Each structure stands twice: as C-alpha cells, then as structure tokens.
Amino acid sequence: MNIPKIENANKYAGLYVVDFGETCSVGFTAVEVAELLESEKYADIKVYKIHGAQTDGKMELKGVPSEIFQLEMGIFFYAGTEEISRKEYNNLVALAETTPPPCRAKVELAKITDDLYTTAIIYPAEYNEEVSTWLIDIDYKTCGAAAGGIEAVTSYNEQKIETIASDQLYPADAYESKTGEELLSSARQAIQR
C-alpha cells in the first residue's frame, strides 16, 4: 500500500485510510467509509483506522473489518431501581454536555423487568475503543453490573423493554462528511481533508 505523504499527520488520528488496490486515500470519516462500503463500486475496499500519527507523516494503522461499519455496539449499565438508573442516565447525559462523546450515540433509560433497569449507550461499532476511553475519561461511574458488545445490543433490541427516556449525543469536533455523488467522485483523491 502506497500511502501519500501527509503533512500534519497528527490531525488525521481517528480518521481512515482506504486501500482501493492500485491506490489509497487518507482522511475518510467513518460515515464516508460506511457509505463507500455500501456502494457496489467500492464494496471490496480495505479499510485502516489511523490510531497514531506523528508530525513527520508516519502513521500507525489498524485494519478494520468492513462488516464493523454495519453494526452497533452498546454498553448497558444495570440497576435494581428506576431511581438509581435515572440518576446514572442523567449523569451520563450531563457529562456528555460538558465533554461530548467521540461519535453520535443514543442513550436510553429503560425498564427491563420490575426490578431491573438499564442506562444504555448505543453507538456505531467502529467507535468502540473511543467510547470506552471517553467513559473512562469523563469518570462515568455506576453502581451495578454492566454488559456490552454487539450481541448485547441485539439482545436488548429483541427484549420487550419499556423505554423511559432517550437522548441523542453528538460529538464536538466532527468533520463534515461528504455523501452521495460528491463522496463517490472524490473517493480516490489521495488526501481527503
């Protein structure tokens, strides 16, 4: 893979490199990668996430399976009462207002049974590492058990739960993603941003 020379590579950490086979391109957002993978023309691309980047242009890349862009990940914090779960839910929403998450995420307060409630955060699976780090960084603490993963979201969605409250969280410094024809026509540009 022949990666183009990048100045200020550190600003590309968290973005993606797409290998088209004969060429590659640097600086895609997760939204853009997901759309490229959904297109017939680019369904077979290889995707790498930029984890570390240095000012001299060197980048640490990690391969990302294309399927991950079609999945949701979640973390579920359980409590035995609605009161406790509501406090945890309100705390998470308040913390997100002062320190926004790394991606769009849905937060729900839900009743599972009469003595089991959850505060759920559900987000695109490609952001799992970043969301976990964000929860640690904001010092989010709960008092009950927790579960997470792709299967946990599937199980949660299949249960007959009662949603009590719901909020949408947004990242602070999100790049504006290209979509549609604009994205497809510029996909093979060496540097996207």
N, C-alpha and C. Protein backbone atom coordinates (compact mmCIF):
# COMPACT_ATOMS: atom_id res chain seq x y z
N MET A 1 0.86 -1.17 0.00
CA MET A 1 0.00 0.00 0.00
C MET A 1 0.90 1.23 0.00
N ASN A 2 0.65 2.10 -0.93
CA ASN A 2 1.45 3.31 -1.10
C ASN A 2 0.67 4.51 -0.56
N ILE A 3 0.93 4.84 0.70
CA ILE A 3 0.22 5.95 1.36
C ILE A 3 0.85 7.27 0.94
N PRO A 4 0.02 8.24 0.56
CA PRO A 4 0.58 9.54 0.18
C PRO A 4 1.26 10.23 1.35
N LYS A 5 2.24 11.05 1.05
CA LYS A 5 2.94 11.80 2.09
C LYS A 5 1.96 12.81 2.70
N ILE A 6 1.92 12.81 4.02
CA ILE A 6 0.97 13.65 4.74
C ILE A 6 1.72 14.65 5.61
N GLU A 7 1.37 15.91 5.49
CA GLU A 7 1.88 16.92 6.41
C GLU A 7 0.87 17.03 7.55
N ASN A 8 1.36 17.29 8.74
CA ASN A 8 0.50 17.38 9.92
C ASN A 8 -0.34 16.11 10.09
N ALA A 9 0.30 14.97 10.00
CA ALA A 9 -0.40 13.68 10.07
C ALA A 9 -1.16 13.51 11.37
N ASN A 10 -0.69 14.17 12.44
CA ASN A 10 -1.37 14.01 13.73
C ASN A 10 -2.83 14.46 13.69
N LYS A 11 -3.21 15.35 12.78
CA LYS A 11 -4.61 15.77 12.69
C LYS A 11 -5.49 14.69 12.04
N TYR A 12 -4.87 13.63 11.53
CA TYR A 12 -5.62 12.55 10.89
C TYR A 12 -5.91 11.38 11.84
N ALA A 13 -5.41 11.43 13.06
CA ALA A 13 -5.68 10.36 14.02
C ALA A 13 -7.19 10.22 14.21
N GLY A 14 -7.69 9.01 14.14
CA GLY A 14 -9.11 8.74 14.27
C GLY A 14 -9.84 8.66 12.95
N LEU A 15 -9.21 9.13 11.88
CA LEU A 15 -9.79 9.02 10.55
C LEU A 15 -9.33 7.70 9.91
N TYR A 16 -9.64 7.50 8.63
CA TYR A 16 -9.39 6.21 7.99
C TYR A 16 -8.60 6.35 6.70
N VAL A 17 -7.84 5.30 6.41
CA VAL A 17 -7.16 5.14 5.13
C VAL A 17 -7.92 4.05 4.38
N VAL A 18 -8.20 4.31 3.11
CA VAL A 18 -8.89 3.32 2.28
C VAL A 18 -7.94 2.87 1.19
N ASP A 19 -7.76 1.56 1.10
CA ASP A 19 -6.91 0.95 0.07
C ASP A 19 -7.83 0.45 -1.05
N PHE A 20 -7.69 1.07 -2.22
CA PHE A 20 -8.50 0.70 -3.37
C PHE A 20 -7.83 -0.39 -4.22
N GLY A 21 -6.66 -0.84 -3.81
CA GLY A 21 -5.91 -1.83 -4.58
C GLY A 21 -4.73 -1.16 -5.24
N GLU A 22 -4.97 -0.45 -6.33
CA GLU A 22 -3.90 0.23 -7.05
C GLU A 22 -3.55 1.59 -6.44
N THR A 23 -4.45 2.17 -5.67
CA THR A 23 -4.20 3.45 -4.99
C THR A 23 -4.81 3.40 -3.59
N CYS A 24 -4.45 4.38 -2.80
CA CYS A 24 -5.11 4.52 -1.50
C CYS A 24 -5.34 5.99 -1.22
N SER A 25 -6.22 6.25 -0.27
CA SER A 25 -6.61 7.61 0.06
C SER A 25 -6.67 7.75 1.58
N VAL A 26 -6.28 8.92 2.07
CA VAL A 26 -6.18 9.17 3.51
C VAL A 26 -7.17 10.24 3.94
N GLY A 27 -7.84 10.02 5.08
CA GLY A 27 -8.63 11.07 5.71
C GLY A 27 -10.13 10.91 5.62
N PHE A 28 -10.62 9.69 5.47
CA PHE A 28 -12.07 9.47 5.44
C PHE A 28 -12.64 9.43 6.86
N THR A 29 -13.88 9.89 7.00
CA THR A 29 -14.61 9.72 8.26
C THR A 29 -15.25 8.33 8.25
N ALA A 30 -15.71 7.88 9.41
CA ALA A 30 -16.39 6.59 9.49
C ALA A 30 -17.66 6.59 8.65
N VAL A 31 -18.38 7.70 8.64
CA VAL A 31 -19.60 7.81 7.84
C VAL A 31 -19.29 7.63 6.36
N GLU A 32 -18.21 8.25 5.90
CA GLU A 32 -17.81 8.13 4.50
C GLU A 32 -17.40 6.71 4.16
N VAL A 33 -16.63 6.07 5.03
CA VAL A 33 -16.22 4.68 4.80
C VAL A 33 -17.45 3.78 4.70
N ALA A 34 -18.39 3.95 5.61
CA ALA A 34 -19.61 3.13 5.59
C ALA A 34 -20.35 3.30 4.27
N GLU A 35 -20.44 4.52 3.79
CA GLU A 35 -21.14 4.75 2.51
C GLU A 35 -20.37 4.15 1.35
N LEU A 36 -19.05 4.25 1.34
CA LEU A 36 -18.26 3.63 0.27
C LEU A 36 -18.48 2.12 0.26
N LEU A 37 -18.47 1.50 1.44
CA LEU A 37 -18.65 0.05 1.53
C LEU A 37 -20.04 -0.38 1.05
N GLU A 38 -21.03 0.48 1.20
CA GLU A 38 -22.38 0.17 0.74
C GLU A 38 -22.53 0.29 -0.76
N SER A 39 -21.60 1.00 -1.40
CA SER A 39 -21.69 1.17 -2.85
C SER A 39 -21.17 -0.09 -3.54
N GLU A 40 -21.73 -0.38 -4.69
CA GLU A 40 -21.30 -1.55 -5.46
C GLU A 40 -19.86 -1.37 -5.94
N LYS A 41 -19.51 -0.19 -6.33
CA LYS A 41 -18.18 0.11 -6.88
C LYS A 41 -17.06 -0.11 -5.87
N TYR A 42 -17.31 0.20 -4.59
CA TYR A 42 -16.25 0.15 -3.58
C TYR A 42 -16.51 -0.87 -2.47
N ALA A 43 -17.33 -1.84 -2.73
CA ALA A 43 -17.68 -2.84 -1.71
C ALA A 43 -16.49 -3.68 -1.25
N ASP A 44 -15.42 -3.77 -2.05
CA ASP A 44 -14.28 -4.63 -1.72
C ASP A 44 -13.05 -3.88 -1.23
N ILE A 45 -13.20 -2.62 -0.85
CA ILE A 45 -12.04 -1.85 -0.38
C ILE A 45 -11.54 -2.40 0.94
N LYS A 46 -10.27 -2.11 1.24
CA LYS A 46 -9.70 -2.44 2.55
C LYS A 46 -9.61 -1.15 3.34
N VAL A 47 -9.93 -1.24 4.64
CA VAL A 47 -10.02 -0.05 5.47
C VAL A 47 -9.07 -0.17 6.66
N TYR A 48 -8.39 0.93 6.96
CA TYR A 48 -7.47 1.01 8.08
C TYR A 48 -7.77 2.26 8.89
N LYS A 49 -7.79 2.12 10.18
CA LYS A 49 -8.01 3.28 11.05
C LYS A 49 -6.65 3.84 11.46
N ILE A 50 -6.54 5.15 11.45
CA ILE A 50 -5.31 5.82 11.85
C ILE A 50 -5.35 5.98 13.37
N HIS A 51 -4.50 5.23 14.07
CA HIS A 51 -4.50 5.27 15.53
C HIS A 51 -3.50 6.27 16.07
N GLY A 52 -2.35 6.27 15.52
CA GLY A 52 -1.33 7.20 15.96
C GLY A 52 -0.70 7.84 14.75
N ALA A 53 -0.36 9.09 14.86
CA ALA A 53 0.28 9.80 13.76
C ALA A 53 1.30 10.77 14.33
N GLN A 54 2.37 10.92 13.60
CA GLN A 54 3.45 11.81 14.05
C GLN A 54 3.58 12.98 13.09
N THR A 55 4.22 14.02 13.56
CA THR A 55 4.36 15.22 12.74
C THR A 55 5.20 14.97 11.49
N ASP A 56 6.05 13.93 11.49
CA ASP A 56 6.86 13.64 10.31
C ASP A 56 6.10 12.85 9.24
N GLY A 57 4.81 12.58 9.47
CA GLY A 57 4.00 11.91 8.47
C GLY A 57 3.81 10.43 8.71
N LYS A 58 4.53 9.85 9.65
CA LYS A 58 4.36 8.42 9.92
C LYS A 58 3.05 8.19 10.66
N MET A 59 2.36 7.09 10.29
CA MET A 59 1.07 6.79 10.89
C MET A 59 1.02 5.33 11.33
N GLU A 60 0.36 5.10 12.45
CA GLU A 60 0.09 3.76 12.94
C GLU A 60 -1.31 3.39 12.48
N LEU A 61 -1.42 2.32 11.67
CA LEU A 61 -2.70 1.91 11.11
C LEU A 61 -3.13 0.58 11.70
N LYS A 62 -4.44 0.42 11.80
CA LYS A 62 -5.01 -0.84 12.26
C LYS A 62 -6.13 -1.21 11.30
N GLY A 63 -6.05 -2.42 10.74
CA GLY A 63 -7.08 -2.88 9.82
C GLY A 63 -8.44 -2.99 10.50
N VAL A 64 -9.48 -2.63 9.78
CA VAL A 64 -10.85 -2.67 10.31
C VAL A 64 -11.69 -3.53 9.36
N PRO A 65 -12.30 -4.60 9.87
CA PRO A 65 -13.17 -5.41 9.01
C PRO A 65 -14.34 -4.58 8.49
N SER A 66 -14.65 -4.74 7.24
CA SER A 66 -15.71 -3.92 6.64
C SER A 66 -17.07 -4.13 7.30
N GLU A 67 -17.32 -5.31 7.84
CA GLU A 67 -18.60 -5.60 8.48
C GLU A 67 -18.87 -4.71 9.68
N ILE A 68 -17.81 -4.24 10.34
CA ILE A 68 -17.97 -3.46 11.57
C ILE A 68 -18.74 -2.16 11.31
N PHE A 69 -18.70 -1.66 10.07
CA PHE A 69 -19.37 -0.40 9.74
C PHE A 69 -20.88 -0.56 9.60
N GLN A 70 -21.37 -1.79 9.70
CA GLN A 70 -22.80 -2.04 9.59
C GLN A 70 -23.40 -2.41 10.94
N LEU A 71 -22.60 -2.39 11.99
CA LEU A 71 -23.05 -2.88 13.29
C LEU A 71 -23.11 -1.77 14.34
N GLU A 72 -23.92 -2.02 15.35
CA GLU A 72 -23.98 -1.13 16.51
C GLU A 72 -23.38 -1.86 17.71
N MET A 73 -22.72 -1.12 18.54
CA MET A 73 -22.14 -1.62 19.78
C MET A 73 -22.88 -0.91 20.91
N GLY A 74 -22.88 -1.51 22.07
CA GLY A 74 -23.54 -0.87 23.19
C GLY A 74 -22.94 -1.27 24.51
N ILE A 75 -23.14 -0.41 25.48
CA ILE A 75 -22.76 -0.71 26.86
C ILE A 75 -24.02 -0.46 27.69
N PHE A 76 -24.35 -1.43 28.54
CA PHE A 76 -25.58 -1.39 29.32
C PHE A 76 -25.22 -1.43 30.80
N PHE A 77 -25.64 -0.40 31.52
CA PHE A 77 -25.37 -0.28 32.95
C PHE A 77 -26.67 -0.60 33.69
N TYR A 78 -26.65 -1.65 34.49
CA TYR A 78 -27.87 -2.14 35.13
C TYR A 78 -28.00 -1.65 36.56
N ALA A 79 -29.25 -1.47 36.98
CA ALA A 79 -29.57 -1.08 38.36
C ALA A 79 -30.87 -1.76 38.76
N GLY A 80 -31.07 -1.90 40.06
CA GLY A 80 -32.25 -2.58 40.57
C GLY A 80 -33.47 -1.71 40.72
N THR A 81 -33.29 -0.39 40.62
CA THR A 81 -34.43 0.52 40.76
C THR A 81 -34.40 1.58 39.67
N GLU A 82 -35.57 2.12 39.37
CA GLU A 82 -35.64 3.20 38.39
C GLU A 82 -34.91 4.44 38.91
N GLU A 83 -35.01 4.71 40.19
CA GLU A 83 -34.37 5.89 40.78
C GLU A 83 -32.85 5.87 40.55
N ILE A 84 -32.22 4.74 40.83
CA ILE A 84 -30.77 4.64 40.64
C ILE A 84 -30.42 4.75 39.15
N SER A 85 -31.16 4.04 38.33
CA SER A 85 -30.88 4.06 36.90
C SER A 85 -31.10 5.46 36.31
N ARG A 86 -32.12 6.15 36.79
CA ARG A 86 -32.39 7.51 36.30
C ARG A 86 -31.23 8.45 36.67
N LYS A 87 -30.69 8.32 37.88
CA LYS A 87 -29.54 9.14 38.29
C LYS A 87 -28.35 8.87 37.37
N GLU A 88 -28.11 7.60 37.06
CA GLU A 88 -26.99 7.23 36.19
C GLU A 88 -27.21 7.76 34.77
N TYR A 89 -28.44 7.68 34.30
CA TYR A 89 -28.79 8.20 32.98
C TYR A 89 -28.57 9.72 32.93
N ASN A 90 -29.14 10.44 33.91
CA ASN A 90 -29.00 11.89 33.95
C ASN A 90 -27.54 12.31 34.06
N ASN A 91 -26.76 11.57 34.84
CA ASN A 91 -25.35 11.86 35.00
C ASN A 91 -24.61 11.71 33.67
N LEU A 92 -24.90 10.63 32.93
CA LEU A 92 -24.23 10.41 31.65
C LEU A 92 -24.58 11.51 30.66
N VAL A 93 -25.84 11.90 30.58
CA VAL A 93 -26.26 12.96 29.67
C VAL A 93 -25.60 14.29 30.06
N ALA A 94 -25.53 14.58 31.34
CA ALA A 94 -24.90 15.83 31.81
C ALA A 94 -23.40 15.83 31.50
N LEU A 95 -22.73 14.71 31.72
CA LEU A 95 -21.30 14.62 31.42
C LEU A 95 -21.05 14.80 29.91
N ALA A 96 -21.95 14.26 29.09
CA ALA A 96 -21.80 14.39 27.64
C ALA A 96 -21.98 15.83 27.17
N GLU A 97 -22.73 16.61 27.91
CA GLU A 97 -22.91 18.02 27.55
C GLU A 97 -21.63 18.81 27.77
N THR A 98 -20.88 18.48 28.81
CA THR A 98 -19.63 19.20 29.08
C THR A 98 -18.45 18.60 28.34
N THR A 99 -18.45 17.29 28.16
CA THR A 99 -17.40 16.60 27.41
C THR A 99 -18.08 15.68 26.40
N PRO A 100 -18.31 16.16 25.18
CA PRO A 100 -19.05 15.37 24.20
C PRO A 100 -18.36 14.05 23.86
N PRO A 101 -19.15 13.06 23.45
CA PRO A 101 -18.59 11.75 23.08
C PRO A 101 -17.83 11.85 21.76
N PRO A 102 -17.10 10.81 21.41
CA PRO A 102 -16.32 10.82 20.17
C PRO A 102 -17.16 10.60 18.91
N CYS A 103 -18.41 10.20 19.08
CA CYS A 103 -19.28 9.92 17.93
C CYS A 103 -20.72 10.14 18.35
N ARG A 104 -21.62 10.07 17.39
CA ARG A 104 -23.04 10.12 17.73
C ARG A 104 -23.40 8.87 18.51
N ALA A 105 -24.22 9.04 19.52
CA ALA A 105 -24.62 7.90 20.35
C ALA A 105 -26.02 8.14 20.87
N LYS A 106 -26.73 7.04 21.07
CA LYS A 106 -28.06 7.10 21.66
C LYS A 106 -27.95 6.62 23.10
N VAL A 107 -28.56 7.36 24.02
CA VAL A 107 -28.59 6.96 25.42
C VAL A 107 -30.04 6.72 25.79
N GLU A 108 -30.30 5.59 26.43
CA GLU A 108 -31.66 5.26 26.83
C GLU A 108 -31.70 4.84 28.29
N LEU A 109 -32.78 5.22 28.94
CA LEU A 109 -33.14 4.72 30.27
C LEU A 109 -34.31 3.78 30.02
N ALA A 110 -34.18 2.51 30.41
CA ALA A 110 -35.22 1.54 30.10
C ALA A 110 -35.50 0.61 31.27
N LYS A 111 -36.77 0.21 31.34
CA LYS A 111 -37.20 -0.79 32.32
C LYS A 111 -37.20 -2.14 31.61
N ILE A 112 -36.44 -3.08 32.17
CA ILE A 112 -36.38 -4.42 31.59
C ILE A 112 -37.38 -5.33 32.30
N THR A 113 -37.35 -5.31 33.63
CA THR A 113 -38.33 -6.02 34.46
C THR A 113 -38.66 -5.10 35.63
N ASP A 114 -39.53 -5.55 36.52
CA ASP A 114 -39.91 -4.72 37.67
C ASP A 114 -38.73 -4.37 38.58
N ASP A 115 -37.72 -5.20 38.57
CA ASP A 115 -36.56 -4.92 39.43
C ASP A 115 -35.24 -4.86 38.66
N LEU A 116 -35.32 -4.53 37.37
CA LEU A 116 -34.11 -4.39 36.56
C LEU A 116 -34.29 -3.27 35.55
N TYR A 117 -33.41 -2.27 35.67
CA TYR A 117 -33.42 -1.10 34.78
C TYR A 117 -32.03 -0.96 34.17
N THR A 118 -31.96 -0.24 33.06
CA THR A 118 -30.66 -0.04 32.45
C THR A 118 -30.52 1.37 31.90
N THR A 119 -29.30 1.86 31.96
CA THR A 119 -28.89 3.03 31.21
C THR A 119 -28.04 2.48 30.08
N ALA A 120 -28.48 2.66 28.86
CA ALA A 120 -27.81 2.08 27.70
C ALA A 120 -27.20 3.18 26.85
N ILE A 121 -26.00 2.94 26.36
CA ILE A 121 -25.40 3.83 25.37
C ILE A 121 -25.10 2.96 24.15
N ILE A 122 -25.68 3.35 23.01
CA ILE A 122 -25.57 2.58 21.78
C ILE A 122 -24.96 3.47 20.71
N TYR A 123 -23.97 2.95 19.99
CA TYR A 123 -23.18 3.76 19.07
C TYR A 123 -22.64 2.89 17.94
N PRO A 124 -22.11 3.50 16.87
CA PRO A 124 -21.54 2.71 15.78
C PRO A 124 -20.35 1.87 16.29
N ALA A 125 -20.32 0.61 15.89
CA ALA A 125 -19.32 -0.32 16.41
C ALA A 125 -17.88 0.11 16.13
N GLU A 126 -17.65 0.85 15.07
CA GLU A 126 -16.28 1.26 14.75
C GLU A 126 -15.71 2.22 15.79
N TYR A 127 -16.54 2.74 16.68
CA TYR A 127 -16.08 3.67 17.72
C TYR A 127 -15.97 3.01 19.09
N ASN A 128 -15.94 1.71 19.16
CA ASN A 128 -15.94 1.03 20.46
C ASN A 128 -14.80 1.47 21.36
N GLU A 129 -13.60 1.48 20.83
CA GLU A 129 -12.44 1.86 21.64
C GLU A 129 -12.55 3.30 22.12
N GLU A 130 -12.98 4.19 21.23
CA GLU A 130 -13.08 5.60 21.58
C GLU A 130 -14.16 5.86 22.64
N VAL A 131 -15.30 5.17 22.52
CA VAL A 131 -16.37 5.37 23.50
C VAL A 131 -15.94 4.84 24.86
N SER A 132 -15.28 3.68 24.88
CA SER A 132 -14.78 3.14 26.15
C SER A 132 -13.81 4.09 26.82
N THR A 133 -12.90 4.65 26.03
CA THR A 133 -11.92 5.61 26.56
C THR A 133 -12.63 6.87 27.05
N TRP A 134 -13.62 7.34 26.30
CA TRP A 134 -14.38 8.52 26.70
C TRP A 134 -15.08 8.31 28.04
N LEU A 135 -15.71 7.15 28.24
CA LEU A 135 -16.39 6.88 29.52
C LEU A 135 -15.40 6.89 30.69
N ILE A 136 -14.20 6.39 30.45
CA ILE A 136 -13.16 6.43 31.48
C ILE A 136 -12.72 7.87 31.73
N ASP A 137 -12.49 8.60 30.63
CA ASP A 137 -12.02 9.99 30.74
C ASP A 137 -13.01 10.89 31.47
N ILE A 138 -14.31 10.68 31.27
CA ILE A 138 -15.31 11.53 31.94
C ILE A 138 -15.62 11.00 33.34
N ASP A 139 -14.96 9.90 33.71
CA ASP A 139 -15.11 9.31 35.04
C ASP A 139 -16.56 8.91 35.32
N TYR A 140 -17.19 8.28 34.31
CA TYR A 140 -18.57 7.84 34.48
C TYR A 140 -18.58 6.59 35.35
N LYS A 141 -19.31 6.66 36.44
CA LYS A 141 -19.38 5.55 37.39
C LYS A 141 -20.83 5.14 37.61
N THR A 142 -21.03 3.84 37.75
CA THR A 142 -22.35 3.30 38.06
C THR A 142 -22.20 2.36 39.24
N CYS A 143 -23.33 1.93 39.78
CA CYS A 143 -23.24 1.09 40.98
C CYS A 143 -23.62 -0.37 40.74
N GLY A 144 -23.99 -0.72 39.52
CA GLY A 144 -24.42 -2.10 39.26
C GLY A 144 -23.56 -2.78 38.22
N ALA A 145 -24.05 -3.89 37.75
CA ALA A 145 -23.36 -4.66 36.73
C ALA A 145 -23.44 -3.94 35.38
N ALA A 146 -22.54 -4.30 34.50
CA ALA A 146 -22.55 -3.74 33.15
C ALA A 146 -22.30 -4.86 32.16
N ALA A 147 -22.80 -4.68 30.97
CA ALA A 147 -22.56 -5.63 29.87
C ALA A 147 -22.41 -4.82 28.60
N GLY A 148 -21.75 -5.39 27.62
CA GLY A 148 -21.59 -4.65 26.38
C GLY A 148 -21.27 -5.54 25.22
N GLY A 149 -21.27 -4.94 24.05
CA GLY A 149 -20.91 -5.65 22.83
C GLY A 149 -22.01 -5.58 21.78
N ILE A 150 -21.72 -6.18 20.67
CA ILE A 150 -22.66 -6.22 19.56
C ILE A 150 -23.85 -7.11 19.92
N GLU A 151 -23.54 -8.27 20.50
CA GLU A 151 -24.61 -9.21 20.88
C GLU A 151 -25.52 -8.62 21.95
N ALA A 152 -24.95 -7.80 22.83
CA ALA A 152 -25.75 -7.17 23.88
C ALA A 152 -26.78 -6.22 23.28
N VAL A 153 -26.42 -5.53 22.20
CA VAL A 153 -27.36 -4.64 21.52
C VAL A 153 -28.48 -5.46 20.88
N THR A 154 -28.09 -6.53 20.22
CA THR A 154 -29.09 -7.41 19.59
C THR A 154 -30.07 -7.94 20.63
N SER A 155 -29.54 -8.42 21.74
CA SER A 155 -30.39 -8.95 22.82
C SER A 155 -31.30 -7.86 23.38
N TYR A 156 -30.76 -6.69 23.60
CA TYR A 156 -31.53 -5.55 24.12
C TYR A 156 -32.68 -5.20 23.17
N ASN A 157 -32.38 -5.15 21.88
CA ASN A 157 -33.40 -4.79 20.89
C ASN A 157 -34.50 -5.85 20.77
N GLU A 158 -34.16 -7.09 21.08
CA GLU A 158 -35.14 -8.18 20.98
C GLU A 158 -36.02 -8.30 22.21
N GLN A 159 -35.62 -7.69 23.32
CA GLN A 159 -36.40 -7.77 24.55
C GLN A 159 -37.60 -6.84 24.49
N LYS A 160 -38.60 -7.17 25.24
CA LYS A 160 -39.76 -6.29 25.37
C LYS A 160 -39.47 -5.35 26.54
N ILE A 161 -38.85 -4.24 26.22
CA ILE A 161 -38.49 -3.28 27.26
C ILE A 161 -39.39 -2.06 27.17
N GLU A 162 -39.40 -1.31 28.23
CA GLU A 162 -40.14 -0.04 28.27
C GLU A 162 -39.12 1.09 28.32
N THR A 163 -39.03 1.85 27.26
CA THR A 163 -38.11 2.99 27.23
C THR A 163 -38.73 4.13 28.03
N ILE A 164 -38.01 4.58 29.03
CA ILE A 164 -38.49 5.65 29.91
C ILE A 164 -38.00 7.01 29.43
N ALA A 165 -36.76 7.07 28.98
CA ALA A 165 -36.18 8.32 28.48
C ALA A 165 -35.14 7.99 27.42
N SER A 166 -34.90 8.93 26.53
CA SER A 166 -33.94 8.73 25.45
C SER A 166 -33.33 10.05 25.05
N ASP A 167 -32.05 10.04 24.75
CA ASP A 167 -31.33 11.23 24.31
C ASP A 167 -30.38 10.86 23.20
N GLN A 168 -30.10 11.82 22.32
CA GLN A 168 -29.10 11.64 21.27
C GLN A 168 -27.91 12.50 21.64
N LEU A 169 -26.72 11.89 21.66
CA LEU A 169 -25.49 12.62 21.97
C LEU A 169 -24.73 12.87 20.66
N TYR A 170 -24.05 14.01 20.60
CA TYR A 170 -23.31 14.38 19.39
C TYR A 170 -21.87 14.72 19.74
N PRO A 171 -20.93 14.39 18.86
CA PRO A 171 -19.52 14.75 19.10
C PRO A 171 -19.31 16.25 18.90
N ALA A 172 -18.24 16.76 19.48
CA ALA A 172 -17.96 18.19 19.39
C ALA A 172 -17.30 18.58 18.07
N ASP A 173 -16.22 17.95 17.74
CA ASP A 173 -15.42 18.35 16.59
C ASP A 173 -15.55 17.36 15.44
N ALA A 174 -16.74 17.05 15.06
CA ALA A 174 -16.94 16.10 13.97
C ALA A 174 -16.61 16.78 12.64
N TYR A 175 -15.91 16.03 11.79
CA TYR A 175 -15.69 16.51 10.43
C TYR A 175 -17.01 16.39 9.69
N GLU A 176 -17.28 17.32 8.81
CA GLU A 176 -18.47 17.20 7.98
C GLU A 176 -18.18 16.15 6.92
N SER A 177 -19.00 15.13 6.87
CA SER A 177 -18.79 14.03 5.93
C SER A 177 -19.39 14.36 4.57
N LYS A 178 -18.67 13.94 3.54
CA LYS A 178 -19.20 14.04 2.18
C LYS A 178 -20.13 12.85 1.98
N THR A 179 -21.12 13.01 1.14
CA THR A 179 -22.05 11.92 0.86
C THR A 179 -22.39 11.90 -0.62
N GLY A 180 -23.05 10.84 -1.03
CA GLY A 180 -23.57 10.73 -2.38
C GLY A 180 -22.53 10.90 -3.47
N GLU A 181 -22.91 11.60 -4.51
CA GLU A 181 -22.05 11.78 -5.68
C GLU A 181 -20.76 12.51 -5.33
N GLU A 182 -20.83 13.47 -4.41
CA GLU A 182 -19.62 14.19 -4.01
C GLU A 182 -18.58 13.22 -3.44
N LEU A 183 -19.02 12.31 -2.58
CA LEU A 183 -18.12 11.32 -2.00
C LEU A 183 -17.58 10.37 -3.06
N LEU A 184 -18.45 9.81 -3.87
CA LEU A 184 -18.03 8.83 -4.87
C LEU A 184 -17.10 9.43 -5.91
N SER A 185 -17.32 10.66 -6.30
CA SER A 185 -16.47 11.28 -7.31
C SER A 185 -15.10 11.69 -6.77
N SER A 186 -14.98 11.90 -5.46
CA SER A 186 -13.69 12.31 -4.89
C SER A 186 -13.00 11.20 -4.10
N ALA A 187 -13.57 10.00 -4.10
CA ALA A 187 -13.07 8.91 -3.25
C ALA A 187 -11.61 8.58 -3.48
N ARG A 188 -11.15 8.68 -4.70
CA ARG A 188 -9.76 8.27 -4.99
C ARG A 188 -8.74 9.42 -4.90
N GLN A 189 -9.19 10.56 -4.43
CA GLN A 189 -8.21 11.64 -4.17
C GLN A 189 -7.28 11.17 -3.08
N ALA A 190 -6.01 11.40 -3.22
CA ALA A 190 -5.01 10.89 -2.27
C ALA A 190 -5.27 11.37 -0.85
N ILE A 191 -5.63 12.63 -0.70
CA ILE A 191 -5.86 13.20 0.64
C ILE A 191 -7.27 13.82 0.65
N GLN A 192 -8.09 13.35 1.57
CA GLN A 192 -9.49 13.76 1.63
C GLN A 192 -9.72 15.08 2.36
N ARG A 193 -8.85 15.40 3.30
CA ARG A 193 -9.04 16.60 4.12
C ARG A 193 -7.73 17.35 4.24
